[in-house]
C-alpha atoms as a PDB file:
ATOM      1  CA  MET A   1       0.185   0.079   0.056  1.00  0.00           C
ATOM      2  CA  LYS A   2       1.189   3.437  -0.978  1.00  0.00           C
ATOM      3  CA  ARG A   3       2.619   5.350   2.269  1.00  0.00           C
ATOM      4  CA  THR A   4       0.852   8.425   3.179  1.00  0.00           C
ATOM      5  CA  ILE A   5       3.085  11.612   2.861  1.00  0.00           C
ATOM      6  CA  ILE A   6       2.857  14.352   5.578  1.00  0.00           C
ATOM      7  CA  LEU A   7       3.642  17.765   4.379  1.00  0.00           C
ATOM      8  CA  ILE A   8       5.012  20.160   6.944  1.00  0.00           C
ATOM      9  CA  THR A   9       6.297  23.636   6.721  1.00  0.00           C
ATOM     10  CA  SER A  10       9.053  24.863   8.733  1.00  0.00           C
ATOM     11  CA  LEU A  11      10.406  28.179   9.930  1.00  0.00           C
ATOM     12  CA  ALA A  12      13.935  28.502  11.343  1.00  0.00           C
ATOM     13  CA  LEU A  13      15.466  31.800  12.719  1.00  0.00           C
ATOM     14  CA  ILE A  14      18.825  32.578  11.485  1.00  0.00           C
ATOM     15  CA  THR A  15      21.360  33.958  13.613  1.00  0.00           C
ATOM     16  CA  SER A  16      24.681  33.249  12.359  1.00  0.00           C
ATOM     17  CA  CYS A  17      26.679  32.760   8.895  1.00  0.00           C
ATOM     18  CA  LYS A  18      27.643  29.362   7.744  1.00  0.00           C
ATOM     19  CA  LYS A  19      30.048  27.218   9.578  1.00  0.00           C
ATOM     20  CA  LYS A  20      31.404  23.919   9.200  1.00  0.00           C
ATOM     21  CA  GLU A  21      30.466  21.289  11.488  1.00  0.00           C
ATOM     22  CA  SER A  22      32.492  18.323  12.354  1.00  0.00           C
ATOM     23  CA  THR A  23      31.416  14.669  10.956  1.00  0.00           C
ATOM     24  CA  THR A  24      29.491  12.889  13.442  1.00  0.00           C
ATOM     25  CA  THR A  25      30.663   9.191  14.243  1.00  0.00           C
ATOM     26  CA  GLY A  26      28.539   6.353  14.482  1.00  0.00           C
ATOM     27  CA  ASN A  27      25.113   6.019  12.829  1.00  0.00           C
ATOM     28  CA  PRO A  28      24.072   9.508  12.607  1.00  0.00           C
ATOM     29  CA  MET A  29      20.163  10.096  12.165  1.00  0.00           C
ATOM     30  CA  VAL A  30      19.154  12.452   9.209  1.00  0.00           C
ATOM     31  CA  SER A  31      15.765  13.373   7.606  1.00  0.00           C
ATOM     32  CA  LEU A  32      15.200  13.717   3.707  1.00  0.00           C
ATOM     33  CA  SER A  33      12.665  15.792   1.910  1.00  0.00           C
ATOM     34  CA  ILE A  34      12.113  16.122  -1.745  1.00  0.00           C
ATOM     35  CA  THR A  35      11.010  19.513  -3.566  1.00  0.00           C
ATOM     36  CA  SER A  36      11.542  21.556  -6.872  1.00  0.00           C
ATOM     37  CA  SER A  37      12.774  24.942  -7.066  1.00  0.00           C
ATOM     38  CA  GLN A  38      12.110  27.904  -9.343  1.00  0.00           C
ATOM     39  CA  ASN A  39      15.785  29.277  -8.943  1.00  0.00           C
ATOM     40  CA  THR A  40      18.693  28.406 -11.345  1.00  0.00           C
ATOM     41  CA  THR A  41      21.260  28.418  -8.408  1.00  0.00           C
ATOM     42  CA  PRO A  42      21.181  28.158  -4.782  1.00  0.00           C
ATOM     43  CA  VAL A  43      19.124  31.122  -3.036  1.00  0.00           C
ATOM     44  CA  ALA A  44      20.727  33.668  -1.452  1.00  0.00           C
ATOM     45  CA  PHE A  45      21.208  33.562   2.385  1.00  0.00           C
ATOM     46  CA  VAL A  46      17.901  35.002   4.010  1.00  0.00           C
ATOM     47  CA  SER A  47      19.139  37.525   6.657  1.00  0.00           C
ATOM     48  CA  ILE A  48      17.345  38.085  10.087  1.00  0.00           C
ATOM     49  CA  LYS A  49      15.586  41.178   8.895  1.00  0.00           C
ATOM     50  CA  ASN A  50      13.522  38.973   6.229  1.00  0.00           C
ATOM     51  CA  ILE A  51      12.217  36.552   8.763  1.00  0.00           C
ATOM     52  CA  ILE A  52       8.936  37.920   9.282  1.00  0.00           C
ATOM     53  CA  LYS A  53       8.288  38.502   5.657  1.00  0.00           C
ATOM     54  CA  ASP A  54       9.314  35.252   4.605  1.00  0.00           C
ATOM     55  CA  PHE A  55       6.956  34.142   7.375  1.00  0.00           C
ATOM     56  CA  PHE A  56       3.815  35.463   5.556  1.00  0.00           C
ATOM     57  CA  PHE A  57       5.504  35.357   1.815  1.00  0.00           C
ATOM     58  CA  PRO A  58       7.591  32.270   1.729  1.00  0.00           C
ATOM     59  CA  GLU A  59       9.261  32.775  -1.446  1.00  0.00           C
ATOM     60  CA  ALA A  60      11.543  29.649  -0.808  1.00  0.00           C
ATOM     61  CA  MET A  61       9.010  27.300  -0.719  1.00  0.00           C
ATOM     62  CA  ALA A  62       8.210  25.068  -3.509  1.00  0.00           C
ATOM     63  CA  SER A  63       4.855  25.833  -5.846  1.00  0.00           C
ATOM     64  CA  ALA A  64       4.053  25.748  -9.628  1.00  0.00           C
ATOM     65  CA  PRO A  65       7.019  27.699 -11.285  1.00  0.00           C
ATOM     66  CA  PRO A  66       5.753  31.196 -13.079  1.00  0.00           C
ATOM     67  CA  THR A  67       5.866  31.376 -16.699  1.00  0.00           C
ATOM     68  CA  MET A  68       9.315  30.252 -18.311  1.00  0.00           C
ATOM     69  CA  LEU A  69      10.854  30.407 -21.394  1.00  0.00           C
ATOM     70  CA  ASP A  70      12.341  27.384 -23.441  1.00  0.00           C
ATOM     71  CA  LEU A  71      15.616  27.147 -25.362  1.00  0.00           C
ATOM     72  CA  ASN A  72      13.929  28.824 -28.462  1.00  0.00           C
ATOM     73  CA  GLY A  73      12.017  31.428 -26.274  1.00  0.00           C
ATOM     74  CA  ASN A  74       8.572  29.700 -26.503  1.00  0.00           C
ATOM     75  CA  THR A  75       6.417  30.531 -23.500  1.00  0.00           C
ATOM     76  CA  VAL A  76       6.080  27.637 -20.886  1.00  0.00           C
ATOM     77  CA  SER A  77       4.038  26.994 -17.987  1.00  0.00           C
ATOM     78  CA  LEU A  78       3.658  23.931 -15.689  1.00  0.00           C
ATOM     79  CA  ASP A  79       0.830  23.406 -13.141  1.00  0.00           C
ATOM     80  CA  GLN A  80       1.446  19.877 -12.161  1.00  0.00           C
ATOM     81  CA  GLY A  81       4.678  17.911 -11.317  1.00  0.00           C
ATOM     82  CA  TRP A  82       4.966  14.322  -9.814  1.00  0.00           C
ATOM     83  CA  MET A  83       7.166  11.662  -9.160  1.00  0.00           C
ATOM     84  CA  VAL A  84       6.820   8.076  -7.555  1.00  0.00           C
ATOM     85  CA  VAL A  85       9.914   7.156  -5.813  1.00  0.00           C
ATOM     86  CA  LYS A  86      10.499   3.205  -4.812  1.00  0.00           C
ATOM     87  CA  GLU A  87      13.632   3.506  -3.130  1.00  0.00           C
ATOM     88  CA  ILE A  88      16.401   6.045  -2.109  1.00  0.00           C
ATOM     89  CA  GLU A  89      19.894   5.230  -1.509  1.00  0.00           C
ATOM     90  CA  PHE A  90      23.168   7.161  -0.227  1.00  0.00           C
ATOM     91  CA  LYS A  91      26.706   6.648  -1.561  1.00  0.00           C
ATOM     92  CA  ALA A  92      29.777   7.986  -0.209  1.00  0.00           C
ATOM     93  CA  THR A  93      31.610   8.708  -3.542  1.00  0.00           C
ATOM     94  CA  GLU A  94      30.694  10.481  -6.722  1.00  0.00           C
ATOM     95  CA  ILE A  95      31.125   7.313  -8.888  1.00  0.00           C
ATOM     96  CA  PRO A  96      31.035   3.812  -8.067  1.00  0.00           C
ATOM     97  CA  ASP A  97      34.263   2.213  -6.968  1.00  0.00           C
ATOM     98  CA  ALA A  98      35.532  -1.348  -6.730  1.00  0.00           C
ATOM     99  CA  ASN A  99      34.233  -1.738  -3.026  1.00  0.00           C
ATOM    100  CA  GLU A 100      30.492  -0.579  -3.838  1.00  0.00           C
ATOM    101  CA  SER A 101      27.669  -2.869  -3.263  1.00  0.00           C
ATOM    102  CA  ASP A 102      24.368  -1.816  -4.941  1.00  0.00           C
ATOM    103  CA  GLY A 103      21.785  -1.770  -2.239  1.00  0.00           C
ATOM    104  CA  ASP A 104      23.785  -1.715   0.675  1.00  0.00           C
ATOM    105  CA  GLU A 105      22.628   1.925   1.842  1.00  0.00           C
ATOM    106  CA  ILE A 106      18.896   1.855   0.992  1.00  0.00           C
ATOM    107  CA  LYS A 107      17.439   3.904   3.659  1.00  0.00           C
ATOM    108  CA  PHE A 108      13.861   4.710   2.198  1.00  0.00           C
ATOM    109  CA  LEU A 109      11.531   2.073   0.668  1.00  0.00           C
ATOM    110  CA  GLY A 110       8.169   3.565  -1.121  1.00  0.00           C
ATOM    111  CA  PRO A 111       6.493   3.914  -3.120  1.00  0.00           C
ATOM    112  CA  TYR A 112       6.380   7.726  -2.218  1.00  0.00           C
ATOM    113  CA  SER A 113       3.986   9.789  -4.357  1.00  0.00           C
ATOM    114  CA  VAL A 114       5.984  13.326  -4.492  1.00  0.00           C
ATOM    115  CA  ASN A 115       4.429  16.313  -5.753  1.00  0.00           C
ATOM    116  CA  LEU A 116       7.151  18.778  -6.785  1.00  0.00           C
ATOM    117  CA  PHE A 117       4.775  21.640  -6.682  1.00  0.00           C
ATOM    118  CA  SER A 118       3.498  21.306  -3.292  1.00  0.00           C
ATOM    119  CA  ALA A 119       3.480  24.333  -0.898  1.00  0.00           C
ATOM    120  CA  SER A 120       6.136  22.774   1.145  1.00  0.00           C
ATOM    121  CA  PRO A 121       8.947  20.022   0.582  1.00  0.00           C
ATOM    122  CA  VAL A 122       7.576  16.460   0.914  1.00  0.00           C
ATOM    123  CA  GLN A 123       8.807  14.855   4.080  1.00  0.00           C
ATOM    124  CA  ILE A 124      10.148  11.262   3.073  1.00  0.00           C
ATOM    125  CA  GLY A 125      11.285  10.460   6.467  1.00  0.00           C
ATOM    126  CA  SER A 126      14.048  10.117   8.694  1.00  0.00           C
ATOM    127  CA  THR A 127      16.970   7.155   9.094  1.00  0.00           C
ATOM    128  CA  SER A 128      20.332   6.515  10.516  1.00  0.00           C
ATOM    129  CA  LEU A 129      23.252   6.415   8.038  1.00  0.00           C
ATOM    130  CA  GLY A 130      26.482   4.222   8.641  1.00  0.00           C
ATOM    131  CA  LEU A 131      28.353   6.971   6.399  1.00  0.00           C
ATOM    132  CA  SER A 132      30.424   9.899   7.367  1.00  0.00           C
ATOM    133  CA  SER A 133      29.729  11.833   4.370  1.00  0.00           C
ATOM    134  CA  ILE A 134      27.306  11.506   1.158  1.00  0.00           C
ATOM    135  CA  GLN A 135      28.613  12.344  -2.184  1.00  0.00           C
ATOM    136  CA  ARG A 136      25.912  10.564  -4.503  1.00  0.00           C
ATOM    137  CA  ILE A 137      22.190   9.592  -4.236  1.00  0.00           C
ATOM    138  CA  LYS A 138      20.281   6.924  -6.085  1.00  0.00           C
ATOM    139  CA  MET A 139      16.891   7.457  -6.669  1.00  0.00           C
ATOM    140  CA  LYS A 140      14.661   4.551  -8.157  1.00  0.00           C
ATOM    141  CA  LEU A 141      11.376   5.469  -9.691  1.00  0.00           C
ATOM    142  CA  HIS A 142       8.380   3.375 -10.094  1.00  0.00           C
ATOM    143  CA  PRO A 143       4.944   3.357 -11.816  1.00  0.00           C
ATOM    144  CA  SER A 144       2.141   4.274  -9.537  1.00  0.00           C
ATOM    145  CA  ASP A 145      -0.550   1.429  -9.172  1.00  0.00           C
ATOM    146  CA  VAL A 146      -3.115   3.319  -7.306  1.00  0.00           C
ATOM    147  CA  VAL A 147      -3.785   6.851  -6.689  1.00  0.00           C
ATOM    148  CA  GLY A 148      -4.097   8.867  -3.392  1.00  0.00           C
ATOM    149  CA  VAL A 149      -6.048  11.921  -2.316  1.00  0.00           C
ATOM    150  CA  GLY A 150      -5.213  14.866  -3.865  1.00  0.00           C
ATOM    151  CA  GLU A 151      -3.016  12.938  -7.019  1.00  0.00           C
ATOM    152  CA  PRO A 152      -3.935  13.346 -10.427  1.00  0.00           C
ATOM    153  CA  SER A 153      -5.463  10.318 -12.325  1.00  0.00           C
ATOM    154  CA  ASP A 154      -2.912  10.689 -14.901  1.00  0.00           C
ATOM    155  CA  LEU A 155      -0.267   9.474 -12.343  1.00  0.00           C
ATOM    156  CA  VAL A 156      -1.753   5.913 -12.577  1.00  0.00           C
ATOM    157  CA  ASN A 157       0.796   3.638 -14.237  1.00  0.00           C
ATOM    158  CA  ASN A 158       3.402   6.216 -14.563  1.00  0.00           C
ATOM    159  CA  SER A 159       6.348   7.177 -12.296  1.00  0.00           C
ATOM    160  CA  ILE A 160       6.563  10.834 -13.525  1.00  0.00           C
ATOM    161  CA  TYR A 161       3.766  13.069 -14.529  1.00  0.00           C
ATOM    162  CA  PHE A 162       4.016  16.771 -15.659  1.00  0.00           C
ATOM    163  CA  HIS A 163       1.322  18.840 -17.109  1.00  0.00           C
ATOM    164  CA  GLY A 164       1.316  22.355 -18.697  1.00  0.00           C
ATOM    165  CA  THR A 165       1.260  24.457 -21.769  1.00  0.00           C
ATOM    166  CA  VAL A 166       3.808  25.697 -24.318  1.00  0.00           C
ATOM    167  CA  GLY A 167       2.808  28.742 -26.326  1.00  0.00           C
ATOM    168  CA  GLY A 168      -0.860  28.371 -24.921  1.00  0.00           C
ATOM    169  CA  LYS A 169      -1.046  24.868 -26.259  1.00  0.00           C
ATOM    170  CA  MET A 170      -1.778  22.187 -23.668  1.00  0.00           C
ATOM    171  CA  PHE A 171       0.709  18.829 -23.365  1.00  0.00           C
ATOM    172  CA  SER A 172       1.494  16.490 -20.431  1.00  0.00           C
ATOM    173  CA  PHE A 173       5.022  14.363 -19.886  1.00  0.00           C
ATOM    174  CA  THR A 174       4.474  10.924 -18.521  1.00  0.00           C
ATOM    175  CA  SER A 175       6.878   8.008 -18.123  1.00  0.00           C
ATOM    176  CA  THR A 176       6.216   4.479 -17.308  1.00  0.00           C
ATOM    177  CA  GLU A 177       9.950   3.295 -16.610  1.00  0.00           C
ATOM    178  CA  GLY A 178      11.277   2.374 -13.437  1.00  0.00           C
ATOM    179  CA  THR A 179      14.267   4.667 -14.299  1.00  0.00           C
ATOM    180  CA  GLU A 180      17.248   5.273 -11.666  1.00  0.00           C
ATOM    181  CA  PHE A 181      18.318   8.841 -11.021  1.00  0.00           C
ATOM    182  CA  GLU A 182      21.851   9.012  -9.804  1.00  0.00           C
ATOM    183  CA  ILE A 183      22.827  12.573  -8.668  1.00  0.00           C
ATOM    184  CA  GLY A 184      26.446  13.001  -7.639  1.00  0.00           C
ATOM    185  CA  GLY A 185      28.658  15.852  -7.245  1.00  0.00           C
ATOM    186  CA  SER A 186      32.456  17.010  -6.480  1.00  0.00           C
ATOM    187  CA  THR A 187      31.561  17.946  -2.965  1.00  0.00           C
ATOM    188  CA  ALA A 188      30.732  15.635  -0.024  1.00  0.00           C
ATOM    189  CA  LEU A 189      28.018  16.469   2.344  1.00  0.00           C
ATOM    190  CA  ASN A 190      29.662  15.863   5.665  1.00  0.00           C
ATOM    191  CA  ILE A 191      27.031  14.105   7.804  1.00  0.00           C
ATOM    192  CA  ARG A 192      26.063  15.299  11.209  1.00  0.00           C
ATOM    193  CA  ASP A 193      23.221  14.199  13.714  1.00  0.00           C
ATOM    194  CA  ASN A 194      19.996  15.530  13.036  1.00  0.00           C
ATOM    195  CA  MET A 195      20.845  16.652   9.719  1.00  0.00           C
ATOM    196  CA  SER A 196      18.303  17.881   7.272  1.00  0.00           C
ATOM    197  CA  LEU A 197      18.619  16.706   3.690  1.00  0.00           C
ATOM    198  CA  ILE A 198      16.921  18.136   0.854  1.00  0.00           C
ATOM    199  CA  LEU A 199      16.808  16.854  -2.863  1.00  0.00           C
ATOM    200  CA  SER A 200      15.497  19.564  -5.121  1.00  0.00           C
ATOM    201  CA  ILE A 201      15.134  19.563  -8.756  1.00  0.00           C
ATOM    202  CA  ARG A 202      15.533  23.126 -10.496  1.00  0.00           C
ATOM    203  CA  ILE A 203      12.514  23.476 -12.884  1.00  0.00           C
ATOM    204  CA  VAL A 204      13.247  26.915 -14.537  1.00  0.00           C
ATOM    205  CA  PRO A 205      16.786  25.827 -15.953  1.00  0.00           C
ATOM    206  CA  LEU A 206      15.216  22.392 -16.940  1.00  0.00           C
ATOM    207  CA  ILE A 207      12.810  24.076 -18.964  1.00  0.00           C
ATOM    208  CA  ASN A 208      15.619  26.901 -20.349  1.00  0.00           C
ATOM    209  CA  LYS A 209      17.651  23.948 -21.662  1.00  0.00           C
ATOM    210  CA  ILE A 210      14.952  22.113 -24.020  1.00  0.00           C
ATOM    211  CA  ASP A 211      13.573  23.415 -27.150  1.00  0.00           C
ATOM    212  CA  LEU A 212      10.006  22.462 -27.380  1.00  0.00           C
ATOM    213  CA  SER A 213       9.271  24.087 -30.682  1.00  0.00           C
ATOM    214  CA  ALA A 214       8.472  20.525 -32.114  1.00  0.00           C
ATOM    215  CA  LEU A 215       5.309  20.476 -29.825  1.00  0.00           C
ATOM    216  CA  ALA A 216       3.690  23.292 -32.430  1.00  0.00           C
ATOM    217  CA  ASN A 217       3.139  20.679 -34.838  1.00  0.00           C
ATOM    218  CA  GLU A 218       1.449  18.094 -32.253  1.00  0.00           C
ATOM    219  CA  ALA A 219      -2.279  18.193 -31.469  1.00  0.00           C
ATOM    220  CA  PRO A 220      -3.297  20.063 -28.313  1.00  0.00           C
ATOM    221  CA  GLY A 221      -3.083  17.949 -25.317  1.00  0.00           C
ATOM    222  CA  VAL A 222      -0.441  15.634 -26.670  1.00  0.00           C
ATOM    223  CA  VAL A 223       1.208  13.082 -24.174  1.00  0.00           C
ATOM    224  CA  ILE A 224       4.811  13.004 -24.587  1.00  0.00           C
ATOM    225  CA  SER A 225       5.541   9.542 -23.010  1.00  0.00           C
ATOM    226  CA  ASP A 226       8.176   6.640 -23.533  1.00  0.00           C
ATOM    227  CA  SER A 227       5.946   5.217 -26.379  1.00  0.00           C
ATOM    228  CA  TYR A 228       5.423   8.733 -28.052  1.00  0.00           C
ATOM    229  CA  LYS A 229       8.789  10.678 -27.403  1.00  0.00           C
ATOM    230  CA  VAL A 230       8.087  13.367 -30.066  1.00  0.00           C
ATOM    231  CA  ASN A 231      11.139  13.108 -32.488  1.00  0.00           C
ATOM    232  CA  VAL A 232      13.044  16.215 -33.412  1.00  0.00           C
ATOM    233  CA  ILE A 233      15.099  16.087 -36.683  1.00  0.00           C
ATOM    234  CA  SER A 234      17.240  19.057 -36.276  1.00  0.00           C
ATOM    235  CA  PRO A 235      18.862  21.077 -34.399  1.00  0.00           C
ATOM    236  CA  PRO A 236      19.306  19.005 -31.435  1.00  0.00           C
ATOM    237  CA  PRO A 237      16.526  19.824 -28.852  1.00  0.00           C
ATOM    238  CA  CYS A 238      18.599  19.985 -25.741  1.00  0.00           C
ATOM    239  CA  PRO A 239      22.390  20.332 -26.410  1.00  0.00           C
ATOM    240  CA  SER A 240      23.324  21.344 -22.901  1.00  0.00           C
ATOM    241  CA  ILE A 241      21.479  18.418 -21.500  1.00  0.00           C
ATOM    242  CA  ASP A 242      22.692  15.733 -23.886  1.00  0.00           C
ATOM    243  CA  ALA A 243      23.595  16.681 -27.603  1.00  0.00           C
ATOM    244  CA  SER A 244      22.814  12.901 -28.633  1.00  0.00           C
ATOM    245  CA  SER A 245      19.061  13.129 -27.432  1.00  0.00           C
ATOM    246  CA  SER A 246      16.850  13.580 -30.524  1.00  0.00           C
ATOM    247  CA  THR A 247      13.517  13.447 -28.744  1.00  0.00           C
ATOM    248  CA  ILE A 248      11.550  15.698 -26.350  1.00  0.00           C
ATOM    249  CA  TYR A 249      10.999  12.877 -23.819  1.00  0.00           C
ATOM    250  CA  ASP A 250      14.422  12.095 -23.561  1.00  0.00           C
ATOM    251  CA  CYS A 251      15.623  15.736 -23.037  1.00  0.00           C
ATOM    252  CA  PHE A 252      13.159  15.791 -20.159  1.00  0.00           C
ATOM    253  CA  ARG A 253      13.787  12.659 -18.575  1.00  0.00           C
ATOM    254  CA  LYS A 254      17.731  13.268 -18.718  1.00  0.00           C
ATOM    255  CA  GLY A 255      17.234  16.863 -17.883  1.00  0.00           C
ATOM    256  CA  LEU A 256      15.396  16.143 -14.394  1.00  0.00           C
ATOM    257  CA  GLU A 257      18.371  14.093 -13.472  1.00  0.00           C
ATOM    258  CA  GLN A 258      20.750  16.710 -14.398  1.00  0.00           C
ATOM    259  CA  GLN A 259      18.988  19.540 -12.495  1.00  0.00           C
ATOM    260  CA  ALA A 260      18.530  17.639  -9.158  1.00  0.00           C
ATOM    261  CA  ASP A 261      20.773  18.363  -6.137  1.00  0.00           C
ATOM    262  CA  LEU A 262      21.133  17.239  -2.775  1.00  0.00           C
ATOM    263  CA  GLY A 263      22.112  19.698  -0.011  1.00  0.00           C
ATOM    264  CA  ASP A 264      21.984  20.559   3.573  1.00  0.00           C
ATOM    265  CA  ASP A 265      18.834  22.535   4.612  1.00  0.00           C
ATOM    266  CA  SER A 266      20.340  23.455   7.779  1.00  0.00           C
ATOM    267  CA  ASP A 267      17.804  26.345   8.391  1.00  0.00           C
ATOM    268  CA  GLN A 268      14.761  24.023   7.212  1.00  0.00           C
ATOM    269  CA  SER A 269      13.833  26.969   4.872  1.00  0.00           C
ATOM    270  CA  GLY A 270      12.822  24.376   2.082  1.00  0.00           C
ATOM    271  CA  GLU A 271      15.596  25.380  -0.189  1.00  0.00           C
ATOM    272  CA  ILE A 272      19.431  24.863  -0.814  1.00  0.00           C
ATOM    273  CA  GLU A 273      20.623  28.190  -0.018  1.00  0.00           C
ATOM    274  CA  SER A 274      24.149  29.837  -1.016  1.00  0.00           C
ATOM    275  CA  ASN A 275      25.205  29.396   2.576  1.00  0.00           C
ATOM    276  CA  GLU A 276      24.362  25.598   2.438  1.00  0.00           C
ATOM    277  CA  ASP A 277      26.159  22.842   1.251  1.00  0.00           C
ATOM    278  CA  GLU A 278      25.312  20.809  -1.641  1.00  0.00           C
ATOM    279  CA  ILE A 279      27.042  17.878  -3.580  1.00  0.00           C
ATOM    280  CA  ARG A 280      26.619  19.855  -6.902  1.00  0.00           C
ATOM    281  CA  LEU A 281      28.122  23.226  -6.980  1.00  0.00           C
END
């Protein structure tokens, strides 16, 4: 049975600048949340004078992004963004080494239905880690077999679902694949007890890097999927994501992985801020 996800909004008072904390030995407890971001880079550090403003107008919290432009300048808006996560595994190195065993650090088993545009990050849960640092996270997706309360019916049998418009024309992106995202970077996150980790997917740069012009030739309401990928002859639709990709589907799926980042949400603002560590710089 699908687990119920509890959404909580956190407000933290920020009283000092960033400081490095020593790595915790043993098996420290960490929590993990998943969200999306409207920002292209880590957001600026929020000073204490903005706390009251942020309480009433929480800019850092995830929501459907504003109107965006794709690679060719087409106007894009999204109103739904969902992923179904089957399992999450933590790794200590950026790339696998000879000593790595697949599945030895799986800490969350779903499926978890994640609304990337929810008003606050989706809390996956808390767990103890047998690692002193994290440099990579493996997230396996899973097609949903049922729809929970508040979830779109289009999520059934899909692991990814997005809905929006391009140039005013409605479209959807779906995937039935049980794909695995590997999100790693050059910076290791030193683990400490009661650490708040956040996995954030930057939606705006994702759209900025894909040319969706080919959808102008599709029928309104076209569903981009693993069975209908929308081929693009020339030029490549997402050269900065994958120059070899020739379909909108591949650009979107690979772009989601490229634009994901894991960071230390030390102030529990719901964003990876410029003063907080992240694995991708």
